[in-house]
Amino acid sequence: MKKLLVLMSVALVGITLFESRKRATANEPLPNVVLIISDDQAWTDYGFMGHKSIQTPNLDRLSKQSVVFRRGYVPTALCRPSLATLATGLYAHQHRITGNDPAQTEVNRGHVKRDGQPARELLISNLDRVPTVPRLLEKAGYLSFQSGKWWEGSFQRGGFTDGMTRGYPNPGGRHGDDGLSIGRKGLEPISDFMDRSMHQQKPFFLWYAPFLPHTPHNPPPRLLKKYQVGGRENSVAKYYAMCDWFDETCGQLLDQLEQKGIEKNTLVIYVTDNGWIQNPKGNGYLGRSKRSPYEGGVRTPVLFRWPGKIKPVERPELCSSVDIVPTILAAAGVPIPEQLPGLNLLPFLTEQKEISRDTIYGEAFAHDIADIKNPDASLLYRWVIQGNSKLLLTYDGRRGRMKYPPIGSRTELFDLHQDPHEKVNLATQQPERVERLSELLQHWYPATRQEKSAEGKEGDRS
C-alpha cells in the first residue's frame, strides 16, 4: 500500500508538471532566463540609483526596460550564502551554507572524522539535499549554463547541464576557478552556449555571476583614467572603474540577446550578492557594508525585464532575493516547491498588482562556519524590515569573528524612511515596536543560544 501511495504521488507530480508546461507553452515557447549577479557592489553605485560619478549606461538602459525594485534586499550579505540562496530559493539557515569557509573547530573536525569527508565537501553536500533552479528547470526541458562565481563544487554539482567551474578539489576550485574569467576575458563561452541551445531548440537558464566589481580592482586603464580626478583616492577611482567595467560586460550580454533575436522571449533578472563600501585608504571595504546586516550590506536594486510580458515601472514595495527562484519557476511553468519561503512575483509583475507583503527577513553569520551542521553556532544577527522599520538583533557568540564587530547596543531599530543610512537607533524610544518585531523574527527563525567554546580564527578572505 505504501509503495502504491508513493507511485501515485510521483504520478501526480508528473501530471502537475505536464499540465504546468502545457499551459506555459500553449501559445508560445518557454522563456529563456538570464540571471545577472553583481559581486560586491553598493545599492547606490549605479547611474539609475542616483550615483553622481559612477557611469552604468547599460544597466541604466536595462532599468528603463524593467520593473525596478529600489528596495531590494539579500538576506545574507556574504558571497557564498547569498549565491546559495539564489540557486535554491532558501535562506542560509535553511540551506546551511552560512559562510564562505568551514572554520578549523573541534566540532567540525568531529564531523570530518565521523563522515570520512573533508569539511569543504561536507559543506558542499548541503546542496545535494535541496532542489536547485537548474535541476528543476531541466525537468521542463531547459539547458543551463554556469559562469562566474560558484562555490559549490563543479557546475554539475548544482545541476547545471553546462558550465565553466571545475570546482573543489581542483586547483582554484574554492569559488569559481575557470568560471571567474567570464566578463573579465569576454563572453565567448556564454555566446557558444546560447547558440547550442538555439540549435537544439531548447530554452536556457544562464547564471552570469562575473567576478566584478569584486577585488582585485584592476580595471582597464581606459576606464580607470575616467575616474582619476583631483582629490579622489586611487582606491576609490579603481572601484568606480570596476563598476563601469562590470556594466560594460552587462551591455555586451544584453546586446547578444538582441543580436541573436531572443531578447523578447528572455526574462532578465538583475541583483547583487552583497554590498560594498570602498575603503578610501586601502583595497578593502568599510564597516556597515559587505558581511553586515546594514543597508550597505544587504540592500540591492532588483530588476525584472521580459519584453511584452512585464511593463517597465518602478515598484515601491520590498523585494527579497528569496523571491527570485519562485518567480523564475513560475515563468518557466515549473511547479514551485512548497518549502520555498519567497514570493512568486510573476502575477504582480505581469498584472501590476500591489504586493500586500510588507515584511522581509535576513540574517548574518560568521565568515568561517563554526559548525557545518548547526547554523546557530555562527549566528551574528537576525534582522527584519516591516514597512520602514528595521530591527537588528545581535548574537555575540561569534562576534569576534567579524571584521567589523557590532558596537554598542545589541538591539537596533531604525526608521529607513527618515534615516536611510541608519544613524539613529530608536530601540530605547520605541520598546513596543522592538518587542513586536522581535516576535516576528522568532516566528521566522527561532534561533537558539549559542555555545561559547567554538575554536577557530577567521582569515580576512572574501
Protein backbone atom coordinates (compact mmCIF):
# COMPACT_ATOMS: atom_id res chain seq x y z
CA MET A 1 0.00 0.00 0.00
CA LYS A 2 2.83 2.36 0.90
CA LYS A 3 4.54 1.65 -2.42
CA LEU A 4 1.27 2.37 -4.24
CA LEU A 5 0.92 5.72 -2.49
CA VAL A 6 4.47 6.65 -3.45
CA LEU A 7 3.80 5.74 -7.09
CA MET A 8 0.57 7.75 -7.07
CA SER A 9 2.41 10.73 -5.59
CA VAL A 10 5.11 10.55 -8.26
CA ALA A 11 2.48 10.28 -10.97
CA LEU A 12 0.62 13.27 -9.58
CA VAL A 13 3.80 15.36 -9.62
CA GLY A 14 4.40 14.30 -13.22
CA ILE A 15 0.87 15.24 -14.23
CA THR A 16 1.15 18.60 -12.47
CA LEU A 17 4.44 19.33 -14.24
CA PHE A 18 2.96 18.29 -17.60
CA GLU A 19 -0.12 20.45 -17.13
CA SER A 20 2.01 23.41 -15.99
CA ARG A 21 4.28 23.10 -19.02
CA LYS A 22 1.29 22.68 -21.31
CA ARG A 23 -0.19 25.93 -20.02
CA ALA A 24 3.14 27.70 -20.40
CA THR A 25 3.67 26.50 -23.96
CA ALA A 26 0.09 26.57 -25.27
CA ASN A 27 0.60 29.77 -27.25
CA GLU A 28 4.33 30.44 -27.13
CA PRO A 29 7.68 28.82 -26.28
CA LEU A 30 9.06 28.71 -22.76
CA PRO A 31 11.17 31.79 -21.94
CA ASN A 32 14.91 31.83 -21.60
CA VAL A 33 16.06 33.11 -18.20
CA VAL A 34 19.20 35.21 -17.65
CA LEU A 35 20.24 35.89 -14.05
CA ILE A 36 22.83 38.67 -13.78
CA ILE A 37 24.56 38.81 -10.39
CA SER A 38 26.88 41.66 -9.46
CA ASP A 39 29.65 40.81 -6.98
CA ASP A 40 30.32 43.29 -4.14
CA GLN A 41 28.55 46.48 -5.21
CA ALA A 42 26.64 49.01 -3.10
CA TRP A 43 22.97 49.65 -3.82
CA THR A 44 23.81 53.30 -4.51
CA ASP A 45 26.52 52.64 -7.09
CA TYR A 46 24.58 52.92 -10.35
CA GLY A 47 23.53 55.83 -12.50
CA PHE A 48 19.86 54.86 -12.24
CA MET A 49 20.18 54.73 -8.45
CA GLY A 50 21.49 58.29 -8.39
CA HIS A 51 25.27 57.98 -8.15
CA LYS A 52 26.86 61.19 -9.39
CA SER A 53 30.15 59.72 -10.63
CA ILE A 54 29.84 56.00 -11.49
CA GLN A 55 28.68 55.52 -15.08
CA THR A 56 26.46 52.49 -15.74
CA PRO A 57 24.74 53.28 -19.06
CA ASN A 58 23.86 49.66 -19.86
CA LEU A 59 22.23 48.93 -16.52
CA ASP A 60 20.55 52.34 -16.69
CA ARG A 61 19.04 51.26 -20.00
CA LEU A 62 18.02 47.90 -18.54
CA SER A 63 16.31 49.67 -15.64
CA LYS A 64 14.19 51.71 -18.06
CA GLN A 65 13.04 48.45 -19.67
CA SER A 66 12.34 46.67 -16.38
CA VAL A 67 10.26 46.51 -13.27
CA VAL A 68 12.62 48.09 -10.74
CA PHE A 69 12.57 47.36 -7.03
CA ARG A 70 14.74 50.05 -5.49
CA ARG A 71 14.11 48.49 -2.08
CA GLY A 72 15.52 45.09 -2.94
CA TYR A 73 17.45 43.01 -0.39
CA VAL A 74 19.54 39.89 0.02
CA PRO A 75 19.01 38.03 3.31
CA THR A 76 22.76 37.46 3.88
CA ALA A 77 25.48 39.93 2.88
CA LEU A 78 28.24 37.47 2.08
CA CYS A 79 29.10 35.93 -1.30
CA ARG A 80 28.67 32.21 -0.78
CA PRO A 81 25.47 32.07 1.29
CA SER A 82 23.91 34.79 -0.85
CA LEU A 83 24.65 32.87 -4.06
CA ALA A 84 23.37 29.64 -2.50
CA THR A 85 20.10 31.45 -1.80
CA LEU A 86 19.87 32.47 -5.46
CA ALA A 87 20.47 28.86 -6.51
CA THR A 88 17.97 27.30 -4.08
CA GLY A 89 15.49 29.98 -3.06
CA LEU A 90 16.21 29.17 0.62
CA TYR A 91 17.53 31.26 3.48
CA ALA A 92 21.06 30.48 4.67
CA HIS A 93 19.83 28.82 7.88
CA GLN A 94 17.75 26.53 5.63
CA HIS A 95 20.36 25.56 3.02
CA ARG A 96 23.05 25.62 5.78
CA ILE A 97 25.75 27.25 3.68
CA THR A 98 26.03 30.17 6.10
CA GLY A 99 29.60 31.32 5.43
CA ASN A 100 32.40 31.16 2.90
CA ASP A 101 34.62 28.54 4.56
CA PRO A 102 34.48 25.90 7.30
CA ALA A 103 36.30 27.00 10.44
CA GLN A 104 39.03 24.87 11.97
CA THR A 105 36.96 24.00 15.04
CA GLU A 106 36.85 20.88 17.18
CA VAL A 107 33.22 20.27 16.27
CA ASN A 108 33.99 20.43 12.54
CA ARG A 109 36.93 18.10 12.98
CA GLY A 110 34.50 15.71 14.65
CA HIS A 111 32.16 15.88 11.62
CA VAL A 112 35.08 15.16 9.30
CA LYS A 113 36.17 12.16 11.35
CA ARG A 114 32.66 10.68 11.60
CA ASP A 115 31.65 11.26 7.96
CA GLY A 116 35.01 10.48 6.37
CA GLN A 117 34.86 13.56 4.12
CA PRO A 118 36.78 16.86 4.12
CA ALA A 119 34.96 19.76 5.77
CA ARG A 120 34.62 21.62 2.47
CA GLU A 121 32.97 18.60 0.84
CA LEU A 122 30.56 18.28 3.77
CA LEU A 123 29.60 21.91 3.27
CA ILE A 124 29.04 21.47 -0.47
CA SER A 125 26.93 18.38 0.18
CA ASN A 126 24.23 20.63 1.64
CA LEU A 127 23.35 21.48 -1.94
CA ASP A 128 22.68 17.80 -2.70
CA ARG A 129 19.71 17.63 -0.35
CA VAL A 130 17.68 20.53 -1.76
CA PRO A 131 16.28 21.38 -5.21
CA THR A 132 18.23 23.90 -7.28
CA VAL A 133 16.98 26.09 -10.10
CA PRO A 134 18.95 24.23 -12.82
CA ARG A 135 17.69 20.83 -11.62
CA LEU A 136 14.09 21.98 -11.52
CA LEU A 137 14.29 23.65 -14.91
CA GLU A 138 15.95 20.64 -16.53
CA LYS A 139 12.76 18.65 -15.85
CA ALA A 140 10.95 21.19 -18.04
CA GLY A 141 13.44 20.74 -20.88
CA TYR A 142 15.84 23.59 -20.08
CA LEU A 143 19.58 23.67 -20.67
CA SER A 144 21.53 25.68 -18.10
CA PHE A 145 24.94 27.34 -18.02
CA GLN A 146 27.04 28.37 -15.02
CA SER A 147 29.58 31.16 -15.41
CA GLY A 148 31.40 33.33 -12.90
CA LYS A 149 31.27 32.89 -9.13
CA TRP A 150 30.29 29.38 -7.99
CA TRP A 151 31.37 27.86 -4.68
CA GLU A 152 29.55 24.53 -4.60
CA GLY A 153 31.93 22.21 -6.43
CA SER A 154 31.65 21.75 -10.18
CA PHE A 155 28.85 23.23 -12.25
CA GLN A 156 27.33 19.72 -12.45
CA ARG A 157 27.02 19.63 -8.66
CA GLY A 158 24.49 22.45 -8.85
CA GLY A 159 22.52 20.71 -11.57
CA PHE A 160 23.74 22.83 -14.49
CA THR A 161 23.87 20.99 -17.81
CA ASP A 162 26.82 23.14 -18.94
CA GLY A 163 29.27 25.46 -17.24
CA MET A 164 32.80 26.60 -16.60
CA THR A 165 33.70 25.83 -12.98
CA ARG A 166 35.53 22.54 -12.32
CA GLY A 167 35.24 23.04 -8.57
CA TYR A 168 36.76 21.72 -5.38
CA PRO A 169 39.12 19.87 -5.01
CA ASN A 170 40.60 21.14 -8.30
CA PRO A 171 43.20 23.93 -8.06
CA GLY A 172 41.46 27.26 -7.65
CA GLY A 173 38.14 25.48 -7.06
CA ARG A 174 37.21 27.35 -3.90
CA HIS A 175 34.83 29.76 -5.57
CA GLY A 176 34.96 29.59 -9.34
CA ASP A 177 38.31 28.64 -10.97
CA ASP A 178 37.79 28.74 -14.77
CA GLY A 179 34.41 30.45 -14.37
CA LEU A 180 35.99 33.56 -12.88
CA SER A 181 37.36 34.56 -16.28
CA ILE A 182 33.90 35.36 -17.64
CA GLY A 183 33.38 39.06 -18.27
CA ARG A 184 36.97 39.91 -17.46
CA LYS A 185 38.05 37.92 -20.53
CA GLY A 186 35.00 38.19 -22.73
CA LEU A 187 31.72 36.31 -23.08
CA GLU A 188 32.52 33.73 -25.76
CA PRO A 189 31.57 30.68 -23.61
CA ILE A 190 28.13 32.21 -22.98
CA SER A 191 27.61 33.05 -26.63
CA ASP A 192 28.54 29.50 -27.64
CA PHE A 193 26.12 28.07 -25.08
CA MET A 194 23.24 30.22 -26.28
CA ASP A 195 23.95 29.14 -29.87
CA ARG A 196 23.88 25.47 -28.82
CA SER A 197 20.59 25.96 -27.01
CA MET A 198 19.05 27.66 -30.01
CA HIS A 199 20.33 24.93 -32.33
CA GLN A 200 18.72 22.29 -30.10
CA GLN A 201 15.55 24.43 -29.89
CA LYS A 202 15.64 24.33 -26.10
CA PRO A 203 15.06 27.16 -23.62
CA PHE A 204 18.01 28.03 -21.42
CA PHE A 205 18.87 29.34 -17.97
CA LEU A 206 22.05 31.43 -17.72
CA TRP A 207 23.86 32.09 -14.44
CA TYR A 208 26.04 35.15 -15.11
CA ALA A 209 27.93 35.95 -11.89
CA PRO A 210 31.19 37.55 -13.05
CA PHE A 211 33.98 38.32 -10.59
CA LEU A 212 33.07 42.00 -10.98
CA PRO A 213 33.37 44.56 -9.49
CA HIS A 214 34.93 42.28 -6.86
CA THR A 215 38.62 42.61 -5.98
CA PRO A 216 41.19 42.54 -7.45
CA HIS A 217 40.28 46.06 -8.52
CA ASN A 218 42.35 46.06 -11.71
CA PRO A 219 40.18 47.82 -14.30
CA PRO A 220 41.36 48.54 -17.86
CA PRO A 221 43.47 51.74 -17.92
CA ARG A 222 40.99 53.38 -20.32
CA LEU A 223 38.25 53.08 -17.66
CA LEU A 224 40.44 53.93 -14.67
CA LYS A 225 41.51 57.16 -16.35
CA LYS A 226 37.85 58.34 -16.40
CA TYR A 227 37.68 58.26 -12.60
CA GLN A 228 41.13 59.55 -11.66
CA VAL A 229 40.17 63.11 -10.89
CA GLY A 230 41.70 65.57 -8.48
CA GLY A 231 41.04 64.83 -4.82
CA ARG A 232 39.71 61.29 -5.36
CA GLU A 233 41.68 58.48 -3.74
CA ASN A 234 43.05 55.97 -6.22
CA SER A 235 41.41 53.05 -4.41
CA VAL A 236 38.02 54.72 -4.90
CA ALA A 237 38.77 55.50 -8.56
CA LYS A 238 39.65 51.83 -9.13
CA TYR A 239 36.39 50.66 -7.55
CA TYR A 240 34.35 53.12 -9.61
CA ALA A 241 36.08 51.89 -12.76
CA MET A 242 35.32 48.29 -11.80
CA CYS A 243 31.62 49.12 -11.57
CA ASP A 244 31.89 50.69 -15.03
CA TRP A 245 33.67 47.59 -16.36
CA PHE A 246 31.00 45.29 -14.95
CA ASP A 247 28.31 47.45 -16.57
CA GLU A 248 30.14 47.20 -19.88
CA THR A 249 30.02 43.40 -19.77
CA CYS A 250 26.30 43.50 -18.94
CA GLY A 251 25.79 45.60 -22.07
CA GLN A 252 27.67 43.04 -24.12
CA LEU A 253 25.47 40.25 -22.76
CA LEU A 254 22.24 42.15 -23.37
CA ASP A 255 23.42 43.03 -26.89
CA GLN A 256 23.95 39.33 -27.62
CA LEU A 257 20.33 38.57 -26.70
CA GLU A 258 19.21 41.21 -29.16
CA GLN A 259 21.62 40.15 -31.92
CA LYS A 260 20.55 36.51 -31.65
CA GLY A 261 16.90 37.53 -31.88
CA ILE A 262 15.91 36.10 -28.50
CA GLU A 263 15.58 39.27 -26.45
CA LYS A 264 11.76 39.27 -26.48
CA ASN A 265 11.50 35.74 -25.18
CA THR A 266 14.05 36.14 -22.41
CA LEU A 267 13.37 37.04 -18.79
CA VAL A 268 16.36 39.03 -17.49
CA ILE A 269 16.78 39.40 -13.72
CA TYR A 270 19.40 41.59 -12.06
CA VAL A 271 20.59 41.52 -8.42
CA THR A 272 23.84 41.85 -6.47
CA ASP A 273 25.11 39.29 -3.97
CA ASN A 274 26.02 41.83 -1.28
CA GLY A 275 27.03 45.43 -0.81
CA TRP A 276 30.40 47.15 -0.69
CA ILE A 277 31.64 50.49 0.64
CA GLN A 278 35.16 51.11 -0.61
CA ASN A 279 37.84 51.94 1.94
CA PRO A 280 39.43 55.14 0.57
CA LYS A 281 42.71 54.30 2.29
CA GLY A 282 43.14 50.75 1.02
CA ASN A 283 41.88 47.84 -1.04
CA GLY A 284 39.24 46.60 1.38
CA TYR A 285 35.80 47.72 2.45
CA LEU A 286 34.47 49.79 5.31
CA GLY A 287 32.07 48.67 8.02
CA ARG A 288 28.30 48.52 7.54
CA SER A 289 28.73 47.07 4.07
CA LYS A 290 29.80 43.57 3.00
CA ARG A 291 29.07 40.94 5.67
CA SER A 292 26.87 43.28 7.71
CA PRO A 293 23.06 43.45 8.07
CA TYR A 294 23.03 47.21 7.46
CA GLU A 295 21.70 48.74 4.25
CA GLY A 296 25.22 48.98 2.81
CA GLY A 297 25.49 45.20 3.05
CA VAL A 298 22.06 43.83 2.24
CA ARG A 299 20.27 46.34 0.03
CA THR A 300 20.36 45.99 -3.77
CA PRO A 301 18.26 47.07 -6.73
CA VAL A 302 16.36 44.13 -8.22
CA LEU A 303 15.28 44.31 -11.87
CA PHE A 304 12.95 42.13 -13.94
CA ARG A 305 12.77 42.56 -17.74
CA TRP A 306 10.55 40.50 -20.02
CA PRO A 307 9.55 42.45 -23.14
CA GLY A 308 5.86 42.25 -23.91
CA LYS A 309 5.13 40.46 -20.63
CA ILE A 310 6.28 42.91 -17.98
CA LYS A 311 5.59 46.61 -18.32
CA PRO A 312 8.52 48.78 -17.11
CA VAL A 313 7.71 50.55 -13.87
CA GLU A 314 9.29 51.36 -10.51
CA ARG A 315 7.78 49.45 -7.60
CA PRO A 316 7.79 50.90 -4.07
CA GLU A 317 7.40 47.55 -2.29
CA LEU A 318 10.05 45.45 -0.59
CA CYS A 319 11.66 42.66 -2.60
CA SER A 320 13.96 39.90 -1.35
CA SER A 321 16.29 37.66 -3.34
CA VAL A 322 14.35 34.67 -1.96
CA ASP A 323 11.58 35.81 -4.33
CA ILE A 324 13.72 35.27 -7.42
CA VAL A 325 13.64 31.46 -7.55
CA PRO A 326 9.85 31.04 -7.31
CA THR A 327 9.42 33.80 -9.89
CA ILE A 328 11.80 32.04 -12.32
CA LEU A 329 9.99 28.74 -11.85
CA ALA A 330 6.60 30.36 -12.40
CA ALA A 331 7.79 31.99 -15.62
CA ALA A 332 9.01 28.59 -16.84
CA GLY A 333 5.77 26.84 -15.90
CA VAL A 334 7.54 24.69 -13.29
CA PRO A 335 5.74 23.84 -10.02
CA ILE A 336 7.19 25.77 -7.08
CA PRO A 337 8.40 23.54 -4.19
CA GLU A 338 6.30 24.10 -1.08
CA GLN A 339 9.34 24.68 1.15
CA LEU A 340 10.43 27.83 -0.68
CA PRO A 341 9.86 30.86 1.58
CA GLY A 342 9.90 33.51 -1.16
CA LEU A 343 7.04 35.11 -3.04
CA ASN A 344 6.24 34.34 -6.67
CA LEU A 345 6.30 37.86 -8.06
CA LEU A 346 5.18 36.98 -11.58
CA PRO A 347 1.46 37.79 -11.13
CA PHE A 348 2.37 41.13 -9.56
CA LEU A 349 4.81 41.92 -12.37
CA THR A 350 2.59 40.97 -15.30
CA GLU A 351 -0.67 42.32 -13.91
CA GLN A 352 0.84 45.20 -11.91
CA LYS A 353 -0.97 44.16 -8.76
CA GLU A 354 0.05 45.67 -5.44
CA ILE A 355 2.17 43.36 -3.29
CA SER A 356 0.46 43.12 0.09
CA ARG A 357 3.50 41.70 1.88
CA ASP A 358 5.28 44.41 3.87
CA THR A 359 7.82 42.32 5.82
CA ILE A 360 11.10 40.66 4.83
CA TYR A 361 13.80 38.93 6.88
CA GLY A 362 17.54 38.39 6.94
CA GLU A 363 20.47 37.08 8.92
CA ALA A 364 24.23 37.40 9.21
CA PHE A 365 26.71 34.69 10.10
CA ALA A 366 30.46 34.49 10.64
CA HIS A 367 32.63 34.29 7.53
CA ASP A 368 34.03 30.95 8.73
CA ILE A 369 31.43 28.38 9.77
CA ALA A 370 31.90 27.20 13.36
CA ASP A 371 29.67 24.13 12.98
CA ILE A 372 28.86 22.87 9.48
CA LYS A 373 25.69 21.18 10.72
CA ASN A 374 24.38 23.87 13.08
CA PRO A 375 23.76 27.36 11.60
CA ASP A 376 23.11 28.87 15.05
CA ALA A 377 26.74 28.30 16.04
CA SER A 378 27.89 31.09 13.71
CA LEU A 379 24.91 33.42 14.02
CA LEU A 380 25.74 37.12 14.41
CA TYR A 381 22.48 38.90 13.54
CA ARG A 382 18.85 38.38 12.69
CA TRP A 383 17.03 41.30 11.11
CA VAL A 384 13.56 42.20 9.91
CA ILE A 385 12.14 45.07 7.87
CA GLN A 386 8.44 45.85 8.17
CA GLY A 387 7.40 48.88 6.16
CA ASN A 388 10.10 51.41 7.01
CA SER A 389 11.01 49.92 10.40
CA LYS A 390 14.15 47.80 10.58
CA LEU A 391 15.14 45.79 13.66
CA LEU A 392 18.55 44.18 14.18
CA LEU A 393 19.17 41.65 16.96
CA THR A 394 22.79 40.80 17.72
CA TYR A 395 24.27 37.48 18.87
CA ASP A 396 27.70 37.84 20.40
CA GLY A 397 28.82 34.22 20.49
CA ARG A 398 30.85 34.69 17.27
CA ARG A 399 31.06 38.46 17.27
CA GLY A 400 34.84 38.44 17.49
CA ARG A 401 34.95 36.54 14.19
CA MET A 402 33.61 39.52 12.28
CA LYS A 403 35.85 42.04 10.54
CA TYR A 404 33.70 44.89 11.86
CA PRO A 405 32.04 43.58 15.04
CA PRO A 406 28.89 45.26 16.40
CA ILE A 407 29.46 48.31 18.57
CA GLY A 408 27.14 49.35 21.38
CA SER A 409 23.58 48.12 21.79
CA ARG A 410 22.69 44.55 20.92
CA THR A 411 19.30 45.76 19.71
CA GLU A 412 18.96 48.39 16.99
CA LEU A 413 15.83 49.90 15.47
CA PHE A 414 15.86 52.27 12.51
CA ASP A 415 13.33 54.26 10.52
CA LEU A 416 14.57 53.73 6.97
CA HIS A 417 12.36 56.48 5.55
CA GLN A 418 13.68 59.20 7.82
CA ASP A 419 17.10 57.64 8.36
CA PRO A 420 18.14 55.57 5.29
CA HIS A 421 21.77 55.37 6.44
CA GLU A 422 20.83 54.01 9.88
CA LYS A 423 22.46 56.65 12.06
CA VAL A 424 19.80 56.96 14.79
CA ASN A 425 18.98 53.92 16.94
CA LEU A 426 15.37 54.17 18.12
CA ALA A 427 15.30 50.95 20.16
CA THR A 428 15.08 52.57 23.59
CA GLN A 429 12.48 55.09 22.39
CA GLN A 430 10.14 52.51 20.84
CA PRO A 431 10.25 49.37 23.04
CA GLU A 432 6.81 48.17 21.93
CA ARG A 433 7.89 48.14 18.28
CA VAL A 434 11.08 46.30 19.23
CA GLU A 435 9.02 43.67 21.02
CA ARG A 436 6.60 43.25 18.12
CA LEU A 437 9.34 42.92 15.51
CA SER A 438 11.33 40.57 17.76
CA GLU A 439 8.31 38.27 17.90
CA LEU A 440 8.20 38.25 14.10
CA LEU A 441 11.88 37.24 13.98
CA GLN A 442 11.37 34.44 16.47
CA HIS A 443 8.46 33.12 14.45
CA TRP A 444 10.51 33.29 11.25
CA TYR A 445 13.75 31.75 12.52
CA PRO A 446 13.68 30.66 16.18
CA ALA A 447 17.39 30.92 16.89
CA THR A 448 18.76 29.22 19.99
CA ARG A 449 21.51 30.40 22.34
CA GLN A 450 24.97 29.56 21.06
CA GLU A 451 27.77 27.78 22.86
CA LYS A 452 30.82 29.89 23.65
CA SER A 453 33.60 27.35 23.22
CA ALA A 454 33.97 27.03 19.44
CA GLU A 455 37.55 27.37 18.23
CA GLY A 456 38.98 28.75 15.04
CA LYS A 457 40.24 32.01 13.77
CA GLU A 458 38.80 33.78 10.74
CA GLY A 459 41.00 34.93 7.91
CA ASP A 460 40.02 38.11 6.11
CA ARG A 461 39.02 36.38 2.87
CA SER A 462 36.06 37.19 0.65
